[in-house]
Amino acid sequence: MKHYALTLNLRDDPEIIERYKEYHRRPWPEPLQGLKEVGIEGMLIYLLGRRMFMHMTTTDDFDPARDFARYVERNPRAAEWDELMRTFQERVPEAAEGEWWASMECVFDLRDHVD
């Protein structure tokens, strides 16, 4: 199992933030199924102000560059969801060139320090 931590901002507008949260209270089933099909086994999204943090667990063979593209290519409803969600979102200043959700560095893992 692999773990990923990613970050992104929502647009700085309370109404937009609330609409984004509402969509995630009732997500469309096709994108959810599409995530499972490309190897995403778990996903949590947290919000503080407008900064989001996403933690994903995936299969060992999951490759973000390959599998996020496959996710939207194979599933038109997932592509529609992704396009809609991007209207609420903004890249963080720390994002690398071409990166939407910015990858975060793991600086501590309790499992590495206790038996």
PDB file of N, CA and C in Angstrom:
ATOM      1  N   MET A   1       0.838  -1.172   0.000  1.00  0.00           N
ATOM      2  CA  MET A   1       0.000   0.000   0.000  1.00  0.00           C
ATOM      3  C   MET A   1       0.891   1.246   0.000  1.00  0.00           C
ATOM      4  N   LYS A   2       0.524   2.211  -0.826  1.00  0.00           N
ATOM      5  CA  LYS A   2       1.222   3.494  -0.879  1.00  0.00           C
ATOM      6  C   LYS A   2       0.345   4.572  -0.242  1.00  0.00           C
ATOM      7  N   HIS A   3       1.016   5.614   0.254  1.00  0.00           N
ATOM      8  CA  HIS A   3       0.330   6.766   0.840  1.00  0.00           C
ATOM      9  C   HIS A   3       0.752   8.017   0.088  1.00  0.00           C
ATOM     10  N   TYR A   4      -0.201   8.912  -0.134  1.00  0.00           N
ATOM     11  CA  TYR A   4       0.069  10.192  -0.786  1.00  0.00           C
ATOM     12  C   TYR A   4      -0.584  11.297   0.030  1.00  0.00           C
ATOM     13  N   ALA A   5       0.111  12.412   0.148  1.00  0.00           N
ATOM     14  CA  ALA A   5      -0.428  13.613   0.787  1.00  0.00           C
ATOM     15  C   ALA A   5      -0.344  14.737  -0.239  1.00  0.00           C
ATOM     16  N   LEU A   6      -1.466  15.380  -0.484  1.00  0.00           N
ATOM     17  CA  LEU A   6      -1.543  16.413  -1.518  1.00  0.00           C
ATOM     18  C   LEU A   6      -2.267  17.629  -0.949  1.00  0.00           C
ATOM     19  N   THR A   7      -1.983  18.800  -1.500  1.00  0.00           N
ATOM     20  CA  THR A   7      -2.643  20.007  -1.032  1.00  0.00           C
ATOM     21  C   THR A   7      -3.068  20.883  -2.201  1.00  0.00           C
ATOM     22  N   LEU A   8      -4.098  21.671  -1.935  1.00  0.00           N
ATOM     23  CA  LEU A   8      -4.691  22.546  -2.942  1.00  0.00           C
ATOM     24  C   LEU A   8      -5.500  23.591  -2.186  1.00  0.00           C
ATOM     25  N   ASN A   9      -5.733  24.736  -2.786  1.00  0.00           N
ATOM     26  CA  ASN A   9      -6.596  25.751  -2.186  1.00  0.00           C
ATOM     27  C   ASN A   9      -7.948  25.763  -2.880  1.00  0.00           C
ATOM     28  N   LEU A  10      -8.969  26.115  -2.113  1.00  0.00           N
ATOM     29  CA  LEU A  10     -10.236  26.472  -2.714  1.00  0.00           C
ATOM     30  C   LEU A  10     -10.202  27.976  -2.978  1.00  0.00           C
ATOM     31  N   ARG A  11     -11.007  28.420  -3.915  1.00  0.00           N
ATOM     32  CA  ARG A  11     -11.089  29.856  -4.178  1.00  0.00           C
ATOM     33  C   ARG A  11     -11.562  30.571  -2.916  1.00  0.00           C
ATOM     34  N   ASP A  12     -11.098  31.781  -2.720  1.00  0.00           N
ATOM     35  CA  ASP A  12     -11.345  32.525  -1.494  1.00  0.00           C
ATOM     36  C   ASP A  12     -12.724  33.179  -1.532  1.00  0.00           C
ATOM     37  N   ASP A  13     -13.748  32.346  -1.384  1.00  0.00           N
ATOM     38  CA  ASP A  13     -15.125  32.807  -1.426  1.00  0.00           C
ATOM     39  C   ASP A  13     -15.959  31.833  -0.595  1.00  0.00           C
ATOM     40  N   PRO A  14     -16.536  32.283   0.514  1.00  0.00           N
ATOM     41  CA  PRO A  14     -17.289  31.372   1.392  1.00  0.00           C
ATOM     42  C   PRO A  14     -18.398  30.607   0.679  1.00  0.00           C
ATOM     43  N   GLU A  15     -19.075  31.212  -0.277  1.00  0.00           N
ATOM     44  CA  GLU A  15     -20.137  30.514  -1.005  1.00  0.00           C
ATOM     45  C   GLU A  15     -19.569  29.387  -1.860  1.00  0.00           C
ATOM     46  N   ILE A  16     -18.449  29.637  -2.510  1.00  0.00           N
ATOM     47  CA  ILE A  16     -17.802  28.608  -3.322  1.00  0.00           C
ATOM     48  C   ILE A  16     -17.334  27.460  -2.435  1.00  0.00           C
ATOM     49  N   ILE A  17     -16.751  27.790  -1.299  1.00  0.00           N
ATOM     50  CA  ILE A  17     -16.282  26.753  -0.370  1.00  0.00           C
ATOM     51  C   ILE A  17     -17.459  25.899   0.097  1.00  0.00           C
ATOM     52  N   GLU A  18     -18.564  26.515   0.417  1.00  0.00           N
ATOM     53  CA  GLU A  18     -19.738  25.754   0.868  1.00  0.00           C
ATOM     54  C   GLU A  18     -20.288  24.877  -0.255  1.00  0.00           C
ATOM     55  N   ARG A  19     -20.310  25.381  -1.473  1.00  0.00           N
ATOM     56  CA  ARG A  19     -20.769  24.563  -2.604  1.00  0.00           C
ATOM     57  C   ARG A  19     -19.852  23.363  -2.805  1.00  0.00           C
ATOM     58  N   TYR A  20     -18.551  23.566  -2.688  1.00  0.00           N
ATOM     59  CA  TYR A  20     -17.591  22.464  -2.821  1.00  0.00           C
ATOM     60  C   TYR A  20     -17.871  21.398  -1.756  1.00  0.00           C
ATOM     61  N   LYS A  21     -18.064  21.826  -0.531  1.00  0.00           N
ATOM     62  CA  LYS A  21     -18.354  20.890   0.549  1.00  0.00           C
ATOM     63  C   LYS A  21     -19.666  20.143   0.290  1.00  0.00           C
ATOM     64  N   GLU A  22     -20.657  20.841  -0.231  1.00  0.00           N
ATOM     65  CA  GLU A  22     -21.944  20.211  -0.535  1.00  0.00           C
ATOM     66  C   GLU A  22     -21.782  19.114  -1.591  1.00  0.00           C
ATOM     67  N   TYR A  23     -21.017  19.384  -2.641  1.00  0.00           N
ATOM     68  CA  TYR A  23     -20.760  18.345  -3.649  1.00  0.00           C
ATOM     69  C   TYR A  23     -20.129  17.117  -3.009  1.00  0.00           C
ATOM     70  N   HIS A  24     -19.246  17.325  -2.050  1.00  0.00           N
ATOM     71  CA  HIS A  24     -18.561  16.191  -1.432  1.00  0.00           C
ATOM     72  C   HIS A  24     -19.415  15.484  -0.377  1.00  0.00           C
ATOM     73  N   ARG A  25     -20.500  16.097   0.031  1.00  0.00           N
ATOM     74  CA  ARG A  25     -21.456  15.387   0.897  1.00  0.00           C
ATOM     75  C   ARG A  25     -22.268  14.377   0.086  1.00  0.00           C
ATOM     76  N   ARG A  26     -22.413  14.664  -1.217  1.00  0.00           N
ATOM     77  CA  ARG A  26     -23.187  13.800  -2.113  1.00  0.00           C
ATOM     78  C   ARG A  26     -22.409  13.585  -3.417  1.00  0.00           C
ATOM     79  N   PRO A  27     -21.265  12.901  -3.338  1.00  0.00           N
ATOM     80  CA  PRO A  27     -20.467  12.719  -4.555  1.00  0.00           C
ATOM     81  C   PRO A  27     -21.170  11.819  -5.572  1.00  0.00           C
ATOM     82  N   TRP A  28     -20.838  12.032  -6.821  1.00  0.00           N
ATOM     83  CA  TRP A  28     -21.390  11.209  -7.892  1.00  0.00           C
ATOM     84  C   TRP A  28     -20.788   9.802  -7.804  1.00  0.00           C
ATOM     85  N   PRO A  29     -21.568   8.761  -8.032  1.00  0.00           N
ATOM     86  CA  PRO A  29     -21.050   7.391  -7.894  1.00  0.00           C
ATOM     87  C   PRO A  29     -20.000   7.017  -8.945  1.00  0.00           C
ATOM     88  N   GLU A  30     -20.111   7.526 -10.157  1.00  0.00           N
ATOM     89  CA  GLU A  30     -19.171   7.114 -11.221  1.00  0.00           C
ATOM     90  C   GLU A  30     -17.731   7.530 -10.931  1.00  0.00           C
ATOM     91  N   PRO A  31     -17.479   8.756 -10.485  1.00  0.00           N
ATOM     92  CA  PRO A  31     -16.100   9.096 -10.127  1.00  0.00           C
ATOM     93  C   PRO A  31     -15.577   8.254  -8.964  1.00  0.00           C
ATOM     94  N   LEU A  32     -16.429   7.953  -7.992  1.00  0.00           N
ATOM     95  CA  LEU A  32     -15.995   7.111  -6.878  1.00  0.00           C
ATOM     96  C   LEU A  32     -15.559   5.741  -7.382  1.00  0.00           C
ATOM     97  N   GLN A  33     -16.346   5.159  -8.270  1.00  0.00           N
ATOM     98  CA  GLN A  33     -15.998   3.862  -8.841  1.00  0.00           C
ATOM     99  C   GLN A  33     -14.710   3.972  -9.655  1.00  0.00           C
ATOM    100  N   GLY A  34     -14.566   5.062 -10.385  1.00  0.00           N
ATOM    101  CA  GLY A  34     -13.355   5.275 -11.180  1.00  0.00           C
ATOM    102  C   GLY A  34     -12.100   5.345 -10.329  1.00  0.00           C
ATOM    103  N   LEU A  35     -12.195   5.952  -9.159  1.00  0.00           N
ATOM    104  CA  LEU A  35     -11.034   6.005  -8.257  1.00  0.00           C
ATOM    105  C   LEU A  35     -10.616   4.601  -7.847  1.00  0.00           C
ATOM    106  N   LYS A  36     -11.583   3.782  -7.497  1.00  0.00           N
ATOM    107  CA  LYS A  36     -11.289   2.388  -7.116  1.00  0.00           C
ATOM    108  C   LYS A  36     -10.652   1.631  -8.281  1.00  0.00           C
ATOM    109  N   GLU A  37     -11.153   1.863  -9.490  1.00  0.00           N
ATOM    110  CA  GLU A  37     -10.671   1.131 -10.665  1.00  0.00           C
ATOM    111  C   GLU A  37      -9.222   1.440 -10.998  1.00  0.00           C
ATOM    112  N   VAL A  38      -8.728   2.631 -10.644  1.00  0.00           N
ATOM    113  CA  VAL A  38      -7.321   2.953 -10.942  1.00  0.00           C
ATOM    114  C   VAL A  38      -6.391   2.655  -9.773  1.00  0.00           C
ATOM    115  N   GLY A  39      -6.941   2.134  -8.659  1.00  0.00           N
ATOM    116  CA  GLY A  39      -6.076   1.696  -7.566  1.00  0.00           C
ATOM    117  C   GLY A  39      -6.098   2.558  -6.322  1.00  0.00           C
ATOM    118  N   ILE A  40      -7.016   3.522  -6.244  1.00  0.00           N
ATOM    119  CA  ILE A  40      -7.129   4.333  -5.033  1.00  0.00           C
ATOM    120  C   ILE A  40      -8.056   3.602  -4.077  1.00  0.00           C
ATOM    121  N   GLU A  41      -7.516   3.190  -2.956  1.00  0.00           N
ATOM    122  CA  GLU A  41      -8.275   2.388  -2.003  1.00  0.00           C
ATOM    123  C   GLU A  41      -8.909   3.224  -0.902  1.00  0.00           C
ATOM    124  N   GLY A  42      -8.330   4.369  -0.609  1.00  0.00           N
ATOM    125  CA  GLY A  42      -8.869   5.242   0.426  1.00  0.00           C
ATOM    126  C   GLY A  42      -8.518   6.686   0.112  1.00  0.00           C
ATOM    127  N   MET A  43      -9.407   7.604   0.473  1.00  0.00           N
ATOM    128  CA  MET A  43      -9.157   9.025   0.241  1.00  0.00           C
ATOM    129  C   MET A  43      -9.857   9.824   1.340  1.00  0.00           C
ATOM    130  N   LEU A  44      -9.101  10.708   1.953  1.00  0.00           N
ATOM    131  CA  LEU A  44      -9.632  11.640   2.935  1.00  0.00           C
ATOM    132  C   LEU A  44      -9.253  13.034   2.479  1.00  0.00           C
ATOM    133  N   ILE A  45     -10.192  13.977   2.560  1.00  0.00           N
ATOM    134  CA  ILE A  45      -9.898  15.372   2.249  1.00  0.00           C
ATOM    135  C   ILE A  45     -10.274  16.196   3.471  1.00  0.00           C
ATOM    136  N   TYR A  46      -9.319  16.993   3.946  1.00  0.00           N
ATOM    137  CA  TYR A  46      -9.520  17.877   5.082  1.00  0.00           C
ATOM    138  C   TYR A  46      -9.457  19.318   4.590  1.00  0.00           C
ATOM    139  N   LEU A  47     -10.129  20.206   5.314  1.00  0.00           N
ATOM    140  CA  LEU A  47     -10.178  21.610   4.932  1.00  0.00           C
ATOM    141  C   LEU A  47      -9.910  22.477   6.152  1.00  0.00           C
ATOM    142  N   LEU A  48      -9.040  23.466   5.999  1.00  0.00           N
ATOM    143  CA  LEU A  48      -8.793  24.488   7.016  1.00  0.00           C
ATOM    144  C   LEU A  48      -8.819  25.822   6.302  1.00  0.00           C
ATOM    145  N   GLY A  49      -9.827  26.629   6.586  1.00  0.00           N
ATOM    146  CA  GLY A  49      -9.988  27.871   5.828  1.00  0.00           C
ATOM    147  C   GLY A  49     -10.273  27.507   4.387  1.00  0.00           C
ATOM    148  N   ARG A  50      -9.323  27.787   3.514  1.00  0.00           N
ATOM    149  CA  ARG A  50      -9.486  27.390   2.120  1.00  0.00           C
ATOM    150  C   ARG A  50      -8.410  26.397   1.668  1.00  0.00           C
ATOM    151  N   ARG A  51      -7.497  26.031   2.565  1.00  0.00           N
ATOM    152  CA  ARG A  51      -6.433  25.073   2.243  1.00  0.00           C
ATOM    153  C   ARG A  51      -6.938  23.663   2.464  1.00  0.00           C
ATOM    154  N   MET A  52      -6.826  22.839   1.424  1.00  0.00           N
ATOM    155  CA  MET A  52      -7.232  21.438   1.521  1.00  0.00           C
ATOM    156  C   MET A  52      -6.006  20.545   1.621  1.00  0.00           C
ATOM    157  N   PHE A  53      -6.181  19.452   2.321  1.00  0.00           N
ATOM    158  CA  PHE A  53      -5.181  18.408   2.447  1.00  0.00           C
ATOM    159  C   PHE A  53      -5.871  17.094   2.108  1.00  0.00           C
ATOM    160  N   MET A  54      -5.306  16.355   1.153  1.00  0.00           N
ATOM    161  CA  MET A  54      -5.872  15.064   0.771  1.00  0.00           C
ATOM    162  C   MET A  54      -4.872  13.969   1.091  1.00  0.00           C
ATOM    163  N   HIS A  55      -5.336  12.938   1.771  1.00  0.00           N
ATOM    164  CA  HIS A  55      -4.520  11.755   2.031  1.00  0.00           C
ATOM    165  C   HIS A  55      -5.140  10.593   1.267  1.00  0.00           C
ATOM    166  N   MET A  56      -4.311   9.931   0.463  1.00  0.00           N
ATOM    167  CA  MET A  56      -4.780   8.777  -0.312  1.00  0.00           C
ATOM    168  C   MET A  56      -3.957   7.553   0.038  1.00  0.00           C
ATOM    169  N   THR A  57      -4.625   6.420   0.076  1.00  0.00           N
ATOM    170  CA  THR A  57      -3.949   5.136   0.112  1.00  0.00           C
ATOM    171  C   THR A  57      -4.271   4.438  -1.203  1.00  0.00           C
ATOM    172  N   THR A  58      -3.256   3.796  -1.759  1.00  0.00           N
ATOM    173  CA  THR A  58      -3.408   3.184  -3.075  1.00  0.00           C
ATOM    174  C   THR A  58      -2.773   1.802  -3.101  1.00  0.00           C
ATOM    175  N   THR A  59      -3.042   1.099  -4.175  1.00  0.00           N
ATOM    176  CA  THR A  59      -2.364  -0.164  -4.421  1.00  0.00           C
ATOM    177  C   THR A  59      -0.880   0.118  -4.668  1.00  0.00           C
ATOM    178  N   ASP A  60      -0.063  -0.908  -4.517  1.00  0.00           N
ATOM    179  CA  ASP A  60       1.380  -0.742  -4.699  1.00  0.00           C
ATOM    180  C   ASP A  60       1.758  -0.330  -6.116  1.00  0.00           C
ATOM    181  N   ASP A  61       0.961  -0.706  -7.102  1.00  0.00           N
ATOM    182  CA  ASP A  61       1.310  -0.388  -8.488  1.00  0.00           C
ATOM    183  C   ASP A  61       0.726   0.950  -8.963  1.00  0.00           C
ATOM    184  N   PHE A  62       0.074   1.700  -8.073  1.00  0.00           N
ATOM    185  CA  PHE A  62      -0.502   2.996  -8.444  1.00  0.00           C
ATOM    186  C   PHE A  62       0.609   3.981  -8.800  1.00  0.00           C
ATOM    187  N   ASP A  63       0.424   4.681  -9.915  1.00  0.00           N
ATOM    188  CA  ASP A  63       1.352   5.716 -10.369  1.00  0.00           C
ATOM    189  C   ASP A  63       0.522   6.966 -10.660  1.00  0.00           C
ATOM    190  N   PRO A  64       0.676   8.030  -9.869  1.00  0.00           N
ATOM    191  CA  PRO A  64      -0.174   9.213 -10.056  1.00  0.00           C
ATOM    192  C   PRO A  64      -0.146   9.765 -11.486  1.00  0.00           C
ATOM    193  N   ALA A  65       1.019   9.837 -12.092  1.00  0.00           N
ATOM    194  CA  ALA A  65       1.111  10.399 -13.452  1.00  0.00           C
ATOM    195  C   ALA A  65       0.290   9.577 -14.439  1.00  0.00           C
ATOM    196  N   ARG A  66       0.353   8.286 -14.317  1.00  0.00           N
ATOM    197  CA  ARG A  66      -0.370   7.399 -15.229  1.00  0.00           C
ATOM    198  C   ARG A  66      -1.841   7.264 -14.838  1.00  0.00           C
ATOM    199  N   ASP A  67      -2.099   7.045 -13.560  1.00  0.00           N
ATOM    200  CA  ASP A  67      -3.432   6.624 -13.142  1.00  0.00           C
ATOM    201  C   ASP A  67      -4.428   7.763 -12.978  1.00  0.00           C
ATOM    202  N   PHE A  68      -3.997   8.960 -12.643  1.00  0.00           N
ATOM    203  CA  PHE A  68      -4.945  10.073 -12.641  1.00  0.00           C
ATOM    204  C   PHE A  68      -5.404  10.367 -14.064  1.00  0.00           C
ATOM    205  N   ALA A  69      -4.503  10.264 -15.025  1.00  0.00           N
ATOM    206  CA  ALA A  69      -4.890  10.451 -16.429  1.00  0.00           C
ATOM    207  C   ALA A  69      -5.866   9.359 -16.864  1.00  0.00           C
ATOM    208  N   ARG A  70      -5.582   8.118 -16.487  1.00  0.00           N
ATOM    209  CA  ARG A  70      -6.479   7.000 -16.812  1.00  0.00           C
ATOM    210  C   ARG A  70      -7.858   7.196 -16.205  1.00  0.00           C
ATOM    211  N   TYR A  71      -7.899   7.720 -14.997  1.00  0.00           N
ATOM    212  CA  TYR A  71      -9.142   7.958 -14.269  1.00  0.00           C
ATOM    213  C   TYR A  71     -10.098   8.824 -15.092  1.00  0.00           C
ATOM    214  N   VAL A  72      -9.607   9.914 -15.662  1.00  0.00           N
ATOM    215  CA  VAL A  72     -10.490  10.805 -16.429  1.00  0.00           C
ATOM    216  C   VAL A  72     -10.677  10.343 -17.873  1.00  0.00           C
ATOM    217  N   GLU A  73      -9.692   9.639 -18.431  1.00  0.00           N
ATOM    218  CA  GLU A  73      -9.819   9.156 -19.810  1.00  0.00           C
ATOM    219  C   GLU A  73     -10.848   8.038 -19.924  1.00  0.00           C
ATOM    220  N   ARG A  74     -10.888   7.148 -18.959  1.00  0.00           N
ATOM    221  CA  ARG A  74     -11.769   5.982 -18.997  1.00  0.00           C
ATOM    222  C   ARG A  74     -13.199   6.269 -18.579  1.00  0.00           C
ATOM    223  N   ASN A  75     -13.390   7.360 -17.850  1.00  0.00           N
ATOM    224  CA  ASN A  75     -14.664   7.576 -17.189  1.00  0.00           C
ATOM    225  C   ASN A  75     -15.140   9.004 -17.470  1.00  0.00           C
ATOM    226  N   PRO A  76     -16.013   9.188 -18.466  1.00  0.00           N
ATOM    227  CA  PRO A  76     -16.471  10.544 -18.808  1.00  0.00           C
ATOM    228  C   PRO A  76     -17.092  11.296 -17.630  1.00  0.00           C
ATOM    229  N   ARG A  77     -17.770  10.589 -16.761  1.00  0.00           N
ATOM    230  CA  ARG A  77     -18.389  11.253 -15.606  1.00  0.00           C
ATOM    231  C   ARG A  77     -17.313  11.709 -14.615  1.00  0.00           C
ATOM    232  N   ALA A  78     -16.229  10.954 -14.493  1.00  0.00           N
ATOM    233  CA  ALA A  78     -15.105  11.369 -13.651  1.00  0.00           C
ATOM    234  C   ALA A  78     -14.438  12.609 -14.242  1.00  0.00           C
ATOM    235  N   ALA A  79     -14.313  12.652 -15.555  1.00  0.00           N
ATOM    236  CA  ALA A  79     -13.740  13.831 -16.219  1.00  0.00           C
ATOM    237  C   ALA A  79     -14.627  15.046 -15.971  1.00  0.00           C
ATOM    238  N   GLU A  80     -15.938  14.849 -16.029  1.00  0.00           N
ATOM    239  CA  GLU A  80     -16.875  15.944 -15.769  1.00  0.00           C
ATOM    240  C   GLU A  80     -16.752  16.426 -14.320  1.00  0.00           C
ATOM    241  N   TRP A  81     -16.653  15.481 -13.381  1.00  0.00           N
ATOM    242  CA  TRP A  81     -16.481  15.821 -11.959  1.00  0.00           C
ATOM    243  C   TRP A  81     -15.192  16.611 -11.767  1.00  0.00           C
ATOM    244  N   ASP A  82     -14.107  16.125 -12.343  1.00  0.00           N
ATOM    245  CA  ASP A  82     -12.807  16.790 -12.197  1.00  0.00           C
ATOM    246  C   ASP A  82     -12.861  18.215 -12.747  1.00  0.00           C
ATOM    247  N   GLU A  83     -13.453  18.379 -13.904  1.00  0.00           N
ATOM    248  CA  GLU A  83     -13.573  19.705 -14.509  1.00  0.00           C
ATOM    249  C   GLU A  83     -14.411  20.629 -13.624  1.00  0.00           C
ATOM    250  N   LEU A  84     -15.517  20.126 -13.089  1.00  0.00           N
ATOM    251  CA  LEU A  84     -16.364  20.921 -12.211  1.00  0.00           C
ATOM    252  C   LEU A  84     -15.612  21.309 -10.934  1.00  0.00           C
ATOM    253  N   MET A  85     -14.922  20.351 -10.305  1.00  0.00           N
ATOM    254  CA  MET A  85     -14.220  20.637  -9.057  1.00  0.00           C
ATOM    255  C   MET A  85     -13.125  21.685  -9.260  1.00  0.00           C
ATOM    256  N   ARG A  86     -12.482  21.667 -10.423  1.00  0.00           N
ATOM    257  CA  ARG A  86     -11.426  22.659 -10.696  1.00  0.00           C
ATOM    258  C   ARG A  86     -11.967  24.083 -10.731  1.00  0.00           C
ATOM    259  N   THR A  87     -13.261  24.263 -10.966  1.00  0.00           N
ATOM    260  CA  THR A  87     -13.822  25.614 -10.953  1.00  0.00           C
ATOM    261  C   THR A  87     -13.863  26.185  -9.539  1.00  0.00           C
ATOM    262  N   PHE A  88     -13.755  25.337  -8.522  1.00  0.00           N
ATOM    263  CA  PHE A  88     -13.742  25.759  -7.126  1.00  0.00           C
ATOM    264  C   PHE A  88     -12.320  25.914  -6.583  1.00  0.00           C
ATOM    265  N   GLN A  89     -11.341  25.380  -7.296  1.00  0.00           N
ATOM    266  CA  GLN A  89      -9.996  25.195  -6.758  1.00  0.00           C
ATOM    267  C   GLN A  89      -8.969  26.163  -7.351  1.00  0.00           C
ATOM    268  N   GLU A  90      -7.858  26.305  -6.611  1.00  0.00           N
ATOM    269  CA  GLU A  90      -6.688  27.052  -7.074  1.00  0.00           C
ATOM    270  C   GLU A  90      -5.436  26.302  -6.640  1.00  0.00           C
ATOM    271  N   ARG A  91      -4.433  26.325  -7.491  1.00  0.00           N
ATOM    272  CA  ARG A  91      -3.145  25.727  -7.125  1.00  0.00           C
ATOM    273  C   ARG A  91      -2.547  26.497  -5.950  1.00  0.00           C
ATOM    274  N   VAL A  92      -1.787  25.809  -5.128  1.00  0.00           N
ATOM    275  CA  VAL A  92      -1.051  26.495  -4.061  1.00  0.00           C
ATOM    276  C   VAL A  92       0.224  27.077  -4.649  1.00  0.00           C
ATOM    277  N   PRO A  93       0.755  28.145  -4.065  1.00  0.00           N
ATOM    278  CA  PRO A  93       1.972  28.758  -4.601  1.00  0.00           C
ATOM    279  C   PRO A  93       3.155  27.793  -4.653  1.00  0.00           C
ATOM    280  N   GLU A  94       3.176  26.796  -3.772  1.00  0.00           N
ATOM    281  CA  GLU A  94       4.286  25.842  -3.705  1.00  0.00           C
ATOM    282  C   GLU A  94       4.212  24.740  -4.767  1.00  0.00           C
ATOM    283  N   ALA A  95       3.145  24.686  -5.533  1.00  0.00           N
ATOM    284  CA  ALA A  95       2.971  23.621  -6.538  1.00  0.00           C
ATOM    285  C   ALA A  95       4.078  23.687  -7.584  1.00  0.00           C
ATOM    286  N   ALA A  96       4.520  22.526  -8.002  1.00  0.00           N
ATOM    287  CA  ALA A  96       5.522  22.436  -9.064  1.00  0.00           C
ATOM    288  C   ALA A  96       4.876  22.793 -10.408  1.00  0.00           C
ATOM    289  N   GLU A  97       5.693  23.104 -11.367  1.00  0.00           N
ATOM    290  CA  GLU A  97       5.222  23.413 -12.717  1.00  0.00           C
ATOM    291  C   GLU A  97       4.308  22.290 -13.213  1.00  0.00           C
ATOM    292  N   GLY A  98       3.108  22.639 -13.648  1.00  0.00           N
ATOM    293  CA  GLY A  98       2.172  21.662 -14.191  1.00  0.00           C
ATOM    294  C   GLY A  98       1.434  20.827 -13.160  1.00  0.00           C
ATOM    295  N   GLU A  99       1.671  21.048 -11.893  1.00  0.00           N
ATOM    296  CA  GLU A  99       1.063  20.265 -10.817  1.00  0.00           C
ATOM    297  C   GLU A  99      -0.207  20.971 -10.339  1.00  0.00           C
ATOM    298  N   TRP A 100      -1.325  20.256 -10.274  1.00  0.00           N
ATOM    299  CA  TRP A 100      -2.566  20.834  -9.748  1.00  0.00           C
ATOM    300  C   TRP A 100      -2.606  20.611  -8.247  1.00  0.00           C
ATOM    301  N   TRP A 101      -2.896  19.385  -7.806  1.00  0.00           N
ATOM    302  CA  TRP A 101      -2.754  19.042  -6.388  1.00  0.00           C
ATOM    303  C   TRP A 101      -1.254  18.916  -6.143  1.00  0.00           C
ATOM    304  N   ALA A 102      -0.713  19.703  -5.237  1.00  0.00           N
ATOM    305  CA  ALA A 102       0.726  19.683  -4.961  1.00  0.00           C
ATOM    306  C   ALA A 102       1.064  18.536  -4.011  1.00  0.00           C
ATOM    307  N   SER A 103       2.100  17.794  -4.356  1.00  0.00           N
ATOM    308  CA  SER A 103       2.558  16.698  -3.505  1.00  0.00           C
ATOM    309  C   SER A 103       3.247  17.255  -2.270  1.00  0.00           C
ATOM    310  N   MET A 104       2.966  16.634  -1.140  1.00  0.00           N
ATOM    311  CA  MET A 104       3.567  17.043   0.121  1.00  0.00           C
ATOM    312  C   MET A 104       4.611  16.011   0.532  1.00  0.00           C
ATOM    313  N   GLU A 105       5.652  16.473   1.193  1.00  0.00           N
ATOM    314  CA  GLU A 105       6.730  15.607   1.666  1.00  0.00           C
ATOM    315  C   GLU A 105       6.374  15.055   3.041  1.00  0.00           C
ATOM    316  N   CYS A 106       6.556  13.765   3.216  1.00  0.00           N
ATOM    317  CA  CYS A 106       6.360  13.146   4.524  1.00  0.00           C
ATOM    318  C   CYS A 106       7.621  13.410   5.348  1.00  0.00           C
ATOM    319  N   VAL A 107       7.464  14.103   6.466  1.00  0.00           N
ATOM    320  CA  VAL A 107       8.612  14.408   7.316  1.00  0.00           C
ATOM    321  C   VAL A 107       8.618  13.606   8.613  1.00  0.00           C
ATOM    322  N   PHE A 108       7.537  12.874   8.888  1.00  0.00           N
ATOM    323  CA  PHE A 108       7.482  12.035  10.076  1.00  0.00           C
ATOM    324  C   PHE A 108       6.450  10.944   9.883  1.00  0.00           C
ATOM    325  N   ASP A 109       6.829   9.729  10.294  1.00  0.00           N
ATOM    326  CA  ASP A 109       5.919   8.587  10.298  1.00  0.00           C
ATOM    327  C   ASP A 109       6.156   7.836  11.599  1.00  0.00           C
ATOM    328  N   LEU A 110       5.168   7.826  12.457  1.00  0.00           N
ATOM    329  CA  LEU A 110       5.281   7.162  13.759  1.00  0.00           C
ATOM    330  C   LEU A 110       5.739   5.719  13.616  1.00  0.00           C
ATOM    331  N   ARG A 111       5.286   5.044  12.556  1.00  0.00           N
ATOM    332  CA  ARG A 111       5.636   3.638  12.353  1.00  0.00           C
ATOM    333  C   ARG A 111       7.139   3.423  12.232  1.00  0.00           C
ATOM    334  N   ASP A 112       7.874   4.459  11.843  1.00  0.00           N
ATOM    335  CA  ASP A 112       9.323   4.349  11.719  1.00  0.00           C
ATOM    336  C   ASP A 112      10.041   4.429  13.065  1.00  0.00           C
ATOM    337  N   HIS A 113       9.313   4.774  14.131  1.00  0.00           N
ATOM    338  CA  HIS A 113       9.975   5.036  15.400  1.00  0.00           C
ATOM    339  C   HIS A 113       9.492   4.192  16.568  1.00  0.00           C
ATOM    340  N   VAL A 114       8.484   3.389  16.349  1.00  0.00           N
ATOM    341  CA  VAL A 114       7.993   2.519  17.409  1.00  0.00           C
ATOM    342  C   VAL A 114       7.850   1.102  16.864  1.00  0.00           C
ATOM    343  N   ASP A 115       7.953   0.169  17.758  1.00  0.00           N
ATOM    344  CA  ASP A 115       7.805  -1.245  17.348  1.00  0.00           C
ATOM    345  C   ASP A 115       6.374  -1.663  17.374  1.00  0.00           C
TER     346      ASP A 115
END
